[in-house]
Amino acid sequence: MVQFNVTINIEADVVEEFLVWMRDKHIPDVMNTGIFKSYKIAELIAPVEPEQVGTTFSFQYFCETMNDYFRYEKEFAPSLRQEVTEKYGSKIVAFRSVMEILAEG
């Protein structure tokens, strides 16, 4: 199993709108690619840096193989990322990572 994680810090003035848009538009668009089998949303509740501004979320998407992830990156990610950039621009900062799930409990 592969986990694609997108950590996003978003400015406070658009947090609620952003979450609604993610739940109603962006996440369904990502899931409708057929690549990912499930997803999770988590909110960072204890910032590492006390001076951190905004709110940080982790959007976690799960697929079966790295080839599935590579297909997502090639066929779907560019247009989906562009849509986020056009909507929120400098109000967000995103960091992406990919992990292989070795065990689950």
PDB file of N, CA and C in Angstrom:
ATOM      1  N   MET A   1       0.853  -1.178   0.000  1.00  0.00           N
ATOM      2  CA  MET A   1       0.000   0.000   0.000  1.00  0.00           C
ATOM      3  C   MET A   1       0.893   1.233   0.000  1.00  0.00           C
ATOM      4  N   VAL A   2       0.477   2.252  -0.733  1.00  0.00           N
ATOM      5  CA  VAL A   2       1.229   3.503  -0.855  1.00  0.00           C
ATOM      6  C   VAL A   2       0.366   4.646  -0.333  1.00  0.00           C
ATOM      7  N   GLN A   3       0.991   5.513   0.458  1.00  0.00           N
ATOM      8  CA  GLN A   3       0.310   6.697   0.984  1.00  0.00           C
ATOM      9  C   GLN A   3       0.908   7.934   0.341  1.00  0.00           C
ATOM     10  N   PHE A   4       0.050   8.709  -0.303  1.00  0.00           N
ATOM     11  CA  PHE A   4       0.430  10.006  -0.862  1.00  0.00           C
ATOM     12  C   PHE A   4      -0.102  11.044   0.105  1.00  0.00           C
ATOM     13  N   ASN A   5       0.795  11.823   0.672  1.00  0.00           N
ATOM     14  CA  ASN A   5       0.429  12.792   1.695  1.00  0.00           C
ATOM     15  C   ASN A   5       0.657  14.208   1.177  1.00  0.00           C
ATOM     16  N   VAL A   6      -0.358  15.054   1.319  1.00  0.00           N
ATOM     17  CA  VAL A   6      -0.234  16.463   0.976  1.00  0.00           C
ATOM     18  C   VAL A   6      -0.489  17.257   2.252  1.00  0.00           C
ATOM     19  N   THR A   7       0.563  17.889   2.756  1.00  0.00           N
ATOM     20  CA  THR A   7       0.446  18.727   3.949  1.00  0.00           C
ATOM     21  C   THR A   7       0.289  20.155   3.472  1.00  0.00           C
ATOM     22  N   ILE A   8      -0.767  20.804   3.936  1.00  0.00           N
ATOM     23  CA  ILE A   8      -1.069  22.165   3.491  1.00  0.00           C
ATOM     24  C   ILE A   8      -1.257  23.072   4.695  1.00  0.00           C
ATOM     25  N   ASN A   9      -0.542  24.187   4.680  1.00  0.00           N
ATOM     26  CA  ASN A   9      -0.773  25.252   5.650  1.00  0.00           C
ATOM     27  C   ASN A   9      -1.564  26.332   4.933  1.00  0.00           C
ATOM     28  N   ILE A  10      -2.673  26.734   5.539  1.00  0.00           N
ATOM     29  CA  ILE A  10      -3.548  27.723   4.900  1.00  0.00           C
ATOM     30  C   ILE A  10      -3.803  28.889   5.838  1.00  0.00           C
ATOM     31  N   GLU A  11      -3.874  30.066   5.267  1.00  0.00           N
ATOM     32  CA  GLU A  11      -4.109  31.277   6.058  1.00  0.00           C
ATOM     33  C   GLU A  11      -5.467  31.211   6.744  1.00  0.00           C
ATOM     34  N   ALA A  12      -5.529  31.787   7.928  1.00  0.00           N
ATOM     35  CA  ALA A  12      -6.712  31.694   8.789  1.00  0.00           C
ATOM     36  C   ALA A  12      -7.991  32.229   8.147  1.00  0.00           C
ATOM     37  N   ASP A  13      -7.877  33.260   7.320  1.00  0.00           N
ATOM     38  CA  ASP A  13      -9.082  33.893   6.782  1.00  0.00           C
ATOM     39  C   ASP A  13      -9.829  33.044   5.754  1.00  0.00           C
ATOM     40  N   VAL A  14      -9.224  31.958   5.274  1.00  0.00           N
ATOM     41  CA  VAL A  14      -9.907  31.116   4.288  1.00  0.00           C
ATOM     42  C   VAL A  14      -9.989  29.644   4.702  1.00  0.00           C
ATOM     43  N   VAL A  15      -9.680  29.337   5.958  1.00  0.00           N
ATOM     44  CA  VAL A  15      -9.650  27.943   6.406  1.00  0.00           C
ATOM     45  C   VAL A  15     -10.985  27.245   6.189  1.00  0.00           C
ATOM     46  N   GLU A  16     -12.068  27.832   6.665  1.00  0.00           N
ATOM     47  CA  GLU A  16     -13.375  27.160   6.572  1.00  0.00           C
ATOM     48  C   GLU A  16     -13.795  26.963   5.115  1.00  0.00           C
ATOM     49  N   GLU A  17     -13.650  27.995   4.304  1.00  0.00           N
ATOM     50  CA  GLU A  17     -13.984  27.893   2.879  1.00  0.00           C
ATOM     51  C   GLU A  17     -13.134  26.815   2.208  1.00  0.00           C
ATOM     52  N   PHE A  18     -11.857  26.785   2.542  1.00  0.00           N
ATOM     53  CA  PHE A  18     -10.929  25.813   1.979  1.00  0.00           C
ATOM     54  C   PHE A  18     -11.360  24.387   2.294  1.00  0.00           C
ATOM     55  N   LEU A  19     -11.696  24.130   3.559  1.00  0.00           N
ATOM     56  CA  LEU A  19     -12.110  22.777   3.951  1.00  0.00           C
ATOM     57  C   LEU A  19     -13.383  22.343   3.226  1.00  0.00           C
ATOM     58  N   VAL A  20     -14.336  23.245   3.096  1.00  0.00           N
ATOM     59  CA  VAL A  20     -15.572  22.923   2.371  1.00  0.00           C
ATOM     60  C   VAL A  20     -15.230  22.599   0.922  1.00  0.00           C
ATOM     61  N   TRP A  21     -14.397  23.418   0.302  1.00  0.00           N
ATOM     62  CA  TRP A  21     -14.016  23.198  -1.093  1.00  0.00           C
ATOM     63  C   TRP A  21     -13.269  21.878  -1.260  1.00  0.00           C
ATOM     64  N   MET A  22     -12.369  21.581  -0.325  1.00  0.00           N
ATOM     65  CA  MET A  22     -11.637  20.314  -0.398  1.00  0.00           C
ATOM     66  C   MET A  22     -12.607  19.135  -0.308  1.00  0.00           C
ATOM     67  N   ARG A  23     -13.530  19.182   0.639  1.00  0.00           N
ATOM     68  CA  ARG A  23     -14.464  18.065   0.835  1.00  0.00           C
ATOM     69  C   ARG A  23     -15.468  17.927  -0.305  1.00  0.00           C
ATOM     70  N   ASP A  24     -15.938  19.061  -0.820  1.00  0.00           N
ATOM     71  CA  ASP A  24     -17.003  19.038  -1.833  1.00  0.00           C
ATOM     72  C   ASP A  24     -16.493  18.955  -3.268  1.00  0.00           C
ATOM     73  N   LYS A  25     -15.264  19.428  -3.517  1.00  0.00           N
ATOM     74  CA  LYS A  25     -14.783  19.523  -4.895  1.00  0.00           C
ATOM     75  C   LYS A  25     -13.474  18.760  -5.128  1.00  0.00           C
ATOM     76  N   HIS A  26     -12.418  19.187  -4.439  1.00  0.00           N
ATOM     77  CA  HIS A  26     -11.090  18.666  -4.765  1.00  0.00           C
ATOM     78  C   HIS A  26     -10.935  17.180  -4.429  1.00  0.00           C
ATOM     79  N   ILE A  27     -11.261  16.788  -3.220  1.00  0.00           N
ATOM     80  CA  ILE A  27     -11.107  15.377  -2.847  1.00  0.00           C
ATOM     81  C   ILE A  27     -11.971  14.476  -3.731  1.00  0.00           C
ATOM     82  N   PRO A  28     -13.249  14.822  -3.987  1.00  0.00           N
ATOM     83  CA  PRO A  28     -14.006  13.987  -4.937  1.00  0.00           C
ATOM     84  C   PRO A  28     -13.343  13.910  -6.309  1.00  0.00           C
ATOM     85  N   ASP A  29     -12.763  14.998  -6.790  1.00  0.00           N
ATOM     86  CA  ASP A  29     -12.062  14.968  -8.072  1.00  0.00           C
ATOM     87  C   ASP A  29     -10.868  14.015  -8.029  1.00  0.00           C
ATOM     88  N   VAL A  30     -10.105  14.060  -6.936  1.00  0.00           N
ATOM     89  CA  VAL A  30      -8.959  13.152  -6.785  1.00  0.00           C
ATOM     90  C   VAL A  30      -9.449  11.707  -6.719  1.00  0.00           C
ATOM     91  N   MET A  31     -10.467  11.444  -5.939  1.00  0.00           N
ATOM     92  CA  MET A  31     -10.967  10.073  -5.792  1.00  0.00           C
ATOM     93  C   MET A  31     -11.596   9.564  -7.090  1.00  0.00           C
ATOM     94  N   ASN A  32     -12.188  10.445  -7.871  1.00  0.00           N
ATOM     95  CA  ASN A  32     -12.809  10.044  -9.132  1.00  0.00           C
ATOM     96  C   ASN A  32     -11.795   9.663 -10.211  1.00  0.00           C
ATOM     97  N   THR A  33     -10.507   9.885  -9.957  1.00  0.00           N
ATOM     98  CA  THR A  33      -9.489   9.412 -10.893  1.00  0.00           C
ATOM     99  C   THR A  33      -9.441   7.887 -10.904  1.00  0.00           C
ATOM    100  N   GLY A  34      -9.935   7.261  -9.847  1.00  0.00           N
ATOM    101  CA  GLY A  34      -9.902   5.809  -9.732  1.00  0.00           C
ATOM    102  C   GLY A  34      -8.575   5.259  -9.244  1.00  0.00           C
ATOM    103  N   ILE A  35      -7.631   6.139  -8.952  1.00  0.00           N
ATOM    104  CA  ILE A  35      -6.299   5.712  -8.512  1.00  0.00           C
ATOM    105  C   ILE A  35      -6.299   5.339  -7.035  1.00  0.00           C
ATOM    106  N   PHE A  36      -6.906   6.185  -6.223  1.00  0.00           N
ATOM    107  CA  PHE A  36      -6.846   6.016  -4.772  1.00  0.00           C
ATOM    108  C   PHE A  36      -8.057   5.252  -4.261  1.00  0.00           C
ATOM    109  N   LYS A  37      -7.802   4.407  -3.255  1.00  0.00           N
ATOM    110  CA  LYS A  37      -8.850   3.562  -2.687  1.00  0.00           C
ATOM    111  C   LYS A  37      -9.537   4.211  -1.493  1.00  0.00           C
ATOM    112  N   SER A  38      -8.821   5.093  -0.797  1.00  0.00           N
ATOM    113  CA  SER A  38      -9.386   5.771   0.371  1.00  0.00           C
ATOM    114  C   SER A  38      -8.558   7.017   0.663  1.00  0.00           C
ATOM    115  N   TYR A  39      -9.066   7.827   1.579  1.00  0.00           N
ATOM    116  CA  TYR A  39      -8.344   9.030   1.995  1.00  0.00           C
ATOM    117  C   TYR A  39      -8.665   9.338   3.449  1.00  0.00           C
ATOM    118  N   LYS A  40      -7.838  10.192   4.044  1.00  0.00           N
ATOM    119  CA  LYS A  40      -8.046  10.700   5.399  1.00  0.00           C
ATOM    120  C   LYS A  40      -7.671  12.175   5.403  1.00  0.00           C
ATOM    121  N   ILE A  41      -8.301  12.917   6.286  1.00  0.00           N
ATOM    122  CA  ILE A  41      -7.949  14.319   6.526  1.00  0.00           C
ATOM    123  C   ILE A  41      -7.578  14.436   7.999  1.00  0.00           C
ATOM    124  N   ALA A  42      -6.440  15.065   8.280  1.00  0.00           N
ATOM    125  CA  ALA A  42      -6.023  15.298   9.661  1.00  0.00           C
ATOM    126  C   ALA A  42      -5.637  16.764   9.820  1.00  0.00           C
ATOM    127  N   GLU A  43      -5.891  17.294  10.998  1.00  0.00           N
ATOM    128  CA  GLU A  43      -5.491  18.665  11.311  1.00  0.00           C
ATOM    129  C   GLU A  43      -4.374  18.629  12.340  1.00  0.00           C
ATOM    130  N   LEU A  44      -3.327  19.394  12.079  1.00  0.00           N
ATOM    131  CA  LEU A  44      -2.217  19.510  13.021  1.00  0.00           C
ATOM    132  C   LEU A  44      -2.712  20.281  14.239  1.00  0.00           C
ATOM    133  N   ILE A  45      -2.600  19.679  15.413  1.00  0.00           N
ATOM    134  CA  ILE A  45      -3.112  20.348  16.618  1.00  0.00           C
ATOM    135  C   ILE A  45      -2.011  20.903  17.507  1.00  0.00           C
ATOM    136  N   ALA A  46      -0.771  20.540  17.232  1.00  0.00           N
ATOM    137  CA  ALA A  46       0.346  21.045  18.017  1.00  0.00           C
ATOM    138  C   ALA A  46       1.470  21.446  17.068  1.00  0.00           C
ATOM    139  N   PRO A  47       1.506  22.724  16.663  1.00  0.00           N
ATOM    140  CA  PRO A  47       2.550  23.160  15.725  1.00  0.00           C
ATOM    141  C   PRO A  47       3.948  22.918  16.280  1.00  0.00           C
ATOM    142  N   VAL A  48       4.852  22.527  15.398  1.00  0.00           N
ATOM    143  CA  VAL A  48       6.245  22.326  15.778  1.00  0.00           C
ATOM    144  C   VAL A  48       6.883  23.662  16.126  1.00  0.00           C
ATOM    145  N   GLU A  49       6.539  24.680  15.356  1.00  0.00           N
ATOM    146  CA  GLU A  49       7.081  26.020  15.571  1.00  0.00           C
ATOM    147  C   GLU A  49       6.004  26.898  16.211  1.00  0.00           C
ATOM    148  N   PRO A  50       6.266  27.459  17.382  1.00  0.00           N
ATOM    149  CA  PRO A  50       5.244  28.281  18.050  1.00  0.00           C
ATOM    150  C   PRO A  50       4.803  29.499  17.238  1.00  0.00           C
ATOM    151  N   GLU A  51       5.677  29.999  16.371  1.00  0.00           N
ATOM    152  CA  GLU A  51       5.345  31.193  15.582  1.00  0.00           C
ATOM    153  C   GLU A  51       4.573  30.850  14.310  1.00  0.00           C
ATOM    154  N   GLN A  52       4.258  29.574  14.117  1.00  0.00           N
ATOM    155  CA  GLN A  52       3.515  29.171  12.916  1.00  0.00           C
ATOM    156  C   GLN A  52       2.175  29.886  12.844  1.00  0.00           C
ATOM    157  N   VAL A  53       1.870  30.385  11.668  1.00  0.00           N
ATOM    158  CA  VAL A  53       0.588  31.052  11.453  1.00  0.00           C
ATOM    159  C   VAL A  53      -0.263  30.171  10.539  1.00  0.00           C
ATOM    160  N   GLY A  54      -1.549  30.396  10.571  1.00  0.00           N
ATOM    161  CA  GLY A  54      -2.445  29.602   9.747  1.00  0.00           C
ATOM    162  C   GLY A  54      -2.735  28.257  10.383  1.00  0.00           C
ATOM    163  N   THR A  55      -3.409  27.424   9.628  1.00  0.00           N
ATOM    164  CA  THR A  55      -3.783  26.090  10.082  1.00  0.00           C
ATOM    165  C   THR A  55      -3.194  25.080   9.119  1.00  0.00           C
ATOM    166  N   THR A  56      -2.709  23.964   9.651  1.00  0.00           N
ATOM    167  CA  THR A  56      -2.085  22.939   8.825  1.00  0.00           C
ATOM    168  C   THR A  56      -2.923  21.669   8.817  1.00  0.00           C
ATOM    169  N   PHE A  57      -3.123  21.147   7.620  1.00  0.00           N
ATOM    170  CA  PHE A  57      -3.872  19.908   7.415  1.00  0.00           C
ATOM    171  C   PHE A  57      -3.007  18.925   6.649  1.00  0.00           C
ATOM    172  N   SER A  58      -3.273  17.645   6.884  1.00  0.00           N
ATOM    173  CA  SER A  58      -2.659  16.571   6.114  1.00  0.00           C
ATOM    174  C   SER A  58      -3.777  15.840   5.380  1.00  0.00           C
ATOM    175  N   PHE A  59      -3.661  15.787   4.058  1.00  0.00           N
ATOM    176  CA  PHE A  59      -4.609  15.053   3.221  1.00  0.00           C
ATOM    177  C   PHE A  59      -3.873  13.803   2.750  1.00  0.00           C
ATOM    178  N   GLN A  60      -4.355  12.649   3.176  1.00  0.00           N
ATOM    179  CA  GLN A  60      -3.676  11.391   2.926  1.00  0.00           C
ATOM    180  C   GLN A  60      -4.522  10.544   1.977  1.00  0.00           C
ATOM    181  N   TYR A  61      -3.904  10.137   0.883  1.00  0.00           N
ATOM    182  CA  TYR A  61      -4.578   9.326  -0.128  1.00  0.00           C
ATOM    183  C   TYR A  61      -3.841   7.992  -0.234  1.00  0.00           C
ATOM    184  N   PHE A  62      -4.601   6.893  -0.362  1.00  0.00           N
ATOM    185  CA  PHE A  62      -4.017   5.562  -0.347  1.00  0.00           C
ATOM    186  C   PHE A  62      -4.306   4.825  -1.648  1.00  0.00           C
ATOM    187  N   CYS A  63      -3.234   4.291  -2.264  1.00  0.00           N
ATOM    188  CA  CYS A  63      -3.369   3.493  -3.476  1.00  0.00           C
ATOM    189  C   CYS A  63      -2.585   2.191  -3.304  1.00  0.00           C
ATOM    190  N   GLU A  64      -2.763   1.285  -4.242  1.00  0.00           N
ATOM    191  CA  GLU A  64      -2.171  -0.047  -4.110  1.00  0.00           C
ATOM    192  C   GLU A  64      -0.670  -0.081  -4.396  1.00  0.00           C
ATOM    193  N   THR A  65      -0.220   0.588  -5.462  1.00  0.00           N
ATOM    194  CA  THR A  65       1.174   0.433  -5.898  1.00  0.00           C
ATOM    195  C   THR A  65       1.799   1.777  -6.271  1.00  0.00           C
ATOM    196  N   MET A  66       3.115   1.790  -6.362  1.00  0.00           N
ATOM    197  CA  MET A  66       3.817   2.981  -6.824  1.00  0.00           C
ATOM    198  C   MET A  66       3.453   3.280  -8.270  1.00  0.00           C
ATOM    199  N   ASN A  67       3.210   2.257  -9.075  1.00  0.00           N
ATOM    200  CA  ASN A  67       2.790   2.494 -10.454  1.00  0.00           C
ATOM    201  C   ASN A  67       1.467   3.237 -10.505  1.00  0.00           C
ATOM    202  N   ASP A  68       0.553   2.938  -9.577  1.00  0.00           N
ATOM    203  CA  ASP A  68      -0.700   3.695  -9.486  1.00  0.00           C
ATOM    204  C   ASP A  68      -0.399   5.162  -9.187  1.00  0.00           C
ATOM    205  N   TYR A  69       0.469   5.388  -8.214  1.00  0.00           N
ATOM    206  CA  TYR A  69       0.833   6.760  -7.860  1.00  0.00           C
ATOM    207  C   TYR A  69       1.480   7.479  -9.047  1.00  0.00           C
ATOM    208  N   PHE A  70       2.411   6.813  -9.733  1.00  0.00           N
ATOM    209  CA  PHE A  70       3.067   7.426 -10.892  1.00  0.00           C
ATOM    210  C   PHE A  70       2.047   7.780 -11.974  1.00  0.00           C
ATOM    211  N   ARG A  71       1.067   6.928 -12.155  1.00  0.00           N
ATOM    212  CA  ARG A  71       0.005   7.217 -13.134  1.00  0.00           C
ATOM    213  C   ARG A  71      -0.782   8.457 -12.718  1.00  0.00           C
ATOM    214  N   TYR A  72      -1.092   8.571 -11.428  1.00  0.00           N
ATOM    215  CA  TYR A  72      -1.783   9.759 -10.922  1.00  0.00           C
ATOM    216  C   TYR A  72      -0.953  11.012 -11.214  1.00  0.00           C
ATOM    217  N   GLU A  73       0.328  10.947 -10.890  1.00  0.00           N
ATOM    218  CA  GLU A  73       1.211  12.100 -11.102  1.00  0.00           C
ATOM    219  C   GLU A  73       1.259  12.516 -12.568  1.00  0.00           C
ATOM    220  N   LYS A  74       1.291  11.570 -13.459  1.00  0.00           N
ATOM    221  CA  LYS A  74       1.410  11.863 -14.885  1.00  0.00           C
ATOM    222  C   LYS A  74       0.089  12.335 -15.488  1.00  0.00           C
ATOM    223  N   GLU A  75      -0.994  11.644 -15.192  1.00  0.00           N
ATOM    224  CA  GLU A  75      -2.258  11.885 -15.882  1.00  0.00           C
ATOM    225  C   GLU A  75      -3.183  12.904 -15.207  1.00  0.00           C
ATOM    226  N   PHE A  76      -3.113  13.024 -13.887  1.00  0.00           N
ATOM    227  CA  PHE A  76      -4.123  13.804 -13.182  1.00  0.00           C
ATOM    228  C   PHE A  76      -3.584  14.947 -12.324  1.00  0.00           C
ATOM    229  N   ALA A  77      -2.432  14.757 -11.691  1.00  0.00           N
ATOM    230  CA  ALA A  77      -1.936  15.731 -10.717  1.00  0.00           C
ATOM    231  C   ALA A  77      -1.737  17.139 -11.273  1.00  0.00           C
ATOM    232  N   PRO A  78      -1.157  17.294 -12.461  1.00  0.00           N
ATOM    233  CA  PRO A  78      -0.904  18.673 -12.914  1.00  0.00           C
ATOM    234  C   PRO A  78      -2.170  19.544 -12.961  1.00  0.00           C
ATOM    235  N   SER A  79      -3.245  19.039 -13.524  1.00  0.00           N
ATOM    236  CA  SER A  79      -4.462  19.861 -13.626  1.00  0.00           C
ATOM    237  C   SER A  79      -5.122  20.052 -12.268  1.00  0.00           C
ATOM    238  N   LEU A  80      -5.084  19.033 -11.410  1.00  0.00           N
ATOM    239  CA  LEU A  80      -5.684  19.177 -10.077  1.00  0.00           C
ATOM    240  C   LEU A  80      -4.900  20.184  -9.231  1.00  0.00           C
ATOM    241  N   ARG A  81      -3.587  20.148  -9.319  1.00  0.00           N
ATOM    242  CA  ARG A  81      -2.768  21.115  -8.568  1.00  0.00           C
ATOM    243  C   ARG A  81      -2.969  22.528  -9.100  1.00  0.00           C
ATOM    244  N   GLN A  82      -3.091  22.653 -10.398  1.00  0.00           N
ATOM    245  CA  GLN A  82      -3.316  23.968 -11.002  1.00  0.00           C
ATOM    246  C   GLN A  82      -4.615  24.579 -10.485  1.00  0.00           C
ATOM    247  N   GLU A  83      -5.626  23.760 -10.354  1.00  0.00           N
ATOM    248  CA  GLU A  83      -6.914  24.235  -9.850  1.00  0.00           C
ATOM    249  C   GLU A  83      -6.785  24.780  -8.426  1.00  0.00           C
ATOM    250  N   VAL A  84      -6.033  24.080  -7.579  1.00  0.00           N
ATOM    251  CA  VAL A  84      -5.813  24.551  -6.201  1.00  0.00           C
ATOM    252  C   VAL A  84      -5.047  25.866  -6.229  1.00  0.00           C
ATOM    253  N   THR A  85      -4.017  25.944  -7.046  1.00  0.00           N
ATOM    254  CA  THR A  85      -3.206  27.164  -7.143  1.00  0.00           C
ATOM    255  C   THR A  85      -4.041  28.345  -7.623  1.00  0.00           C
ATOM    256  N   GLU A  86      -4.867  28.129  -8.632  1.00  0.00           N
ATOM    257  CA  GLU A  86      -5.716  29.206  -9.138  1.00  0.00           C
ATOM    258  C   GLU A  86      -6.709  29.683  -8.088  1.00  0.00           C
ATOM    259  N   LYS A  87      -7.206  28.769  -7.276  1.00  0.00           N
ATOM    260  CA  LYS A  87      -8.217  29.140  -6.280  1.00  0.00           C
ATOM    261  C   LYS A  87      -7.603  29.801  -5.041  1.00  0.00           C
ATOM    262  N   TYR A  88      -6.457  29.293  -4.572  1.00  0.00           N
ATOM    263  CA  TYR A  88      -5.922  29.768  -3.288  1.00  0.00           C
ATOM    264  C   TYR A  88      -4.555  30.437  -3.368  1.00  0.00           C
ATOM    265  N   GLY A  89      -3.851  30.304  -4.467  1.00  0.00           N
ATOM    266  CA  GLY A  89      -2.598  31.026  -4.690  1.00  0.00           C
ATOM    267  C   GLY A  89      -1.665  31.064  -3.506  1.00  0.00           C
ATOM    268  N   SER A  90      -1.304  32.269  -3.093  1.00  0.00           N
ATOM    269  CA  SER A  90      -0.332  32.454  -2.020  1.00  0.00           C
ATOM    270  C   SER A  90      -0.924  32.247  -0.630  1.00  0.00           C
ATOM    271  N   LYS A  91      -2.195  31.922  -0.539  1.00  0.00           N
ATOM    272  CA  LYS A  91      -2.818  31.684   0.771  1.00  0.00           C
ATOM    273  C   LYS A  91      -2.478  30.302   1.322  1.00  0.00           C
ATOM    274  N   ILE A  92      -1.863  29.445   0.487  1.00  0.00           N
ATOM    275  CA  ILE A  92      -1.486  28.116   0.953  1.00  0.00           C
ATOM    276  C   ILE A  92      -0.024  27.832   0.645  1.00  0.00           C
ATOM    277  N   VAL A  93       0.536  26.951   1.453  1.00  0.00           N
ATOM    278  CA  VAL A  93       1.855  26.389   1.210  1.00  0.00           C
ATOM    279  C   VAL A  93       1.673  24.881   1.325  1.00  0.00           C
ATOM    280  N   ALA A  94       2.112  24.137   0.307  1.00  0.00           N
ATOM    281  CA  ALA A  94       1.916  22.689   0.293  1.00  0.00           C
ATOM    282  C   ALA A  94       3.247  21.954   0.260  1.00  0.00           C
ATOM    283  N   PHE A  95       3.264  20.812   0.918  1.00  0.00           N
ATOM    284  CA  PHE A  95       4.416  19.917   0.930  1.00  0.00           C
ATOM    285  C   PHE A  95       3.877  18.513   0.666  1.00  0.00           C
ATOM    286  N   ARG A  96       4.456  17.830  -0.307  1.00  0.00           N
ATOM    287  CA  ARG A  96       3.984  16.495  -0.685  1.00  0.00           C
ATOM    288  C   ARG A  96       5.030  15.439  -0.361  1.00  0.00           C
ATOM    289  N   SER A  97       4.550  14.256   0.042  1.00  0.00           N
ATOM    290  CA  SER A  97       5.433  13.126   0.293  1.00  0.00           C
ATOM    291  C   SER A  97       4.713  11.830  -0.069  1.00  0.00           C
ATOM    292  N   VAL A  98       5.495  10.818  -0.369  1.00  0.00           N
ATOM    293  CA  VAL A  98       4.960   9.504  -0.719  1.00  0.00           C
ATOM    294  C   VAL A  98       5.636   8.484   0.171  1.00  0.00           C
ATOM    295  N   MET A  99       4.828   7.613   0.768  1.00  0.00           N
ATOM    296  CA  MET A  99       5.347   6.614   1.695  1.00  0.00           C
ATOM    297  C   MET A  99       4.787   5.243   1.375  1.00  0.00           C
ATOM    298  N   GLU A 100       5.588   4.233   1.632  1.00  0.00           N
ATOM    299  CA  GLU A 100       5.110   2.870   1.514  1.00  0.00           C
ATOM    300  C   GLU A 100       4.666   2.399   2.896  1.00  0.00           C
ATOM    301  N   ILE A 101       3.445   1.890   2.979  1.00  0.00           N
ATOM    302  CA  ILE A 101       2.929   1.367   4.246  1.00  0.00           C
ATOM    303  C   ILE A 101       3.521  -0.033   4.432  1.00  0.00           C
ATOM    304  N   LEU A 102       4.295  -0.230   5.484  1.00  0.00           N
ATOM    305  CA  LEU A 102       4.948  -1.505   5.733  1.00  0.00           C
ATOM    306  C   LEU A 102       4.128  -2.419   6.640  1.00  0.00           C
ATOM    307  N   ALA A 103       3.329  -1.806   7.510  1.00  0.00           N
ATOM    308  CA  ALA A 103       2.514  -2.600   8.429  1.00  0.00           C
ATOM    309  C   ALA A 103       1.348  -1.762   8.902  1.00  0.00           C
ATOM    310  N   GLU A 104       0.273  -2.423   9.231  1.00  0.00           N
ATOM    311  CA  GLU A 104      -0.903  -1.757   9.817  1.00  0.00           C
ATOM    312  C   GLU A 104      -1.335  -2.557  11.030  1.00  0.00           C
ATOM    313  N   GLY A 105      -1.876  -1.855  12.000  1.00  0.00           N
ATOM    314  CA  GLY A 105      -2.318  -2.554  13.210  1.00  0.00           C
ATOM    315  C   GLY A 105      -3.800  -2.473  13.380  1.00  0.00           C
TER     316      GLY A 105
END
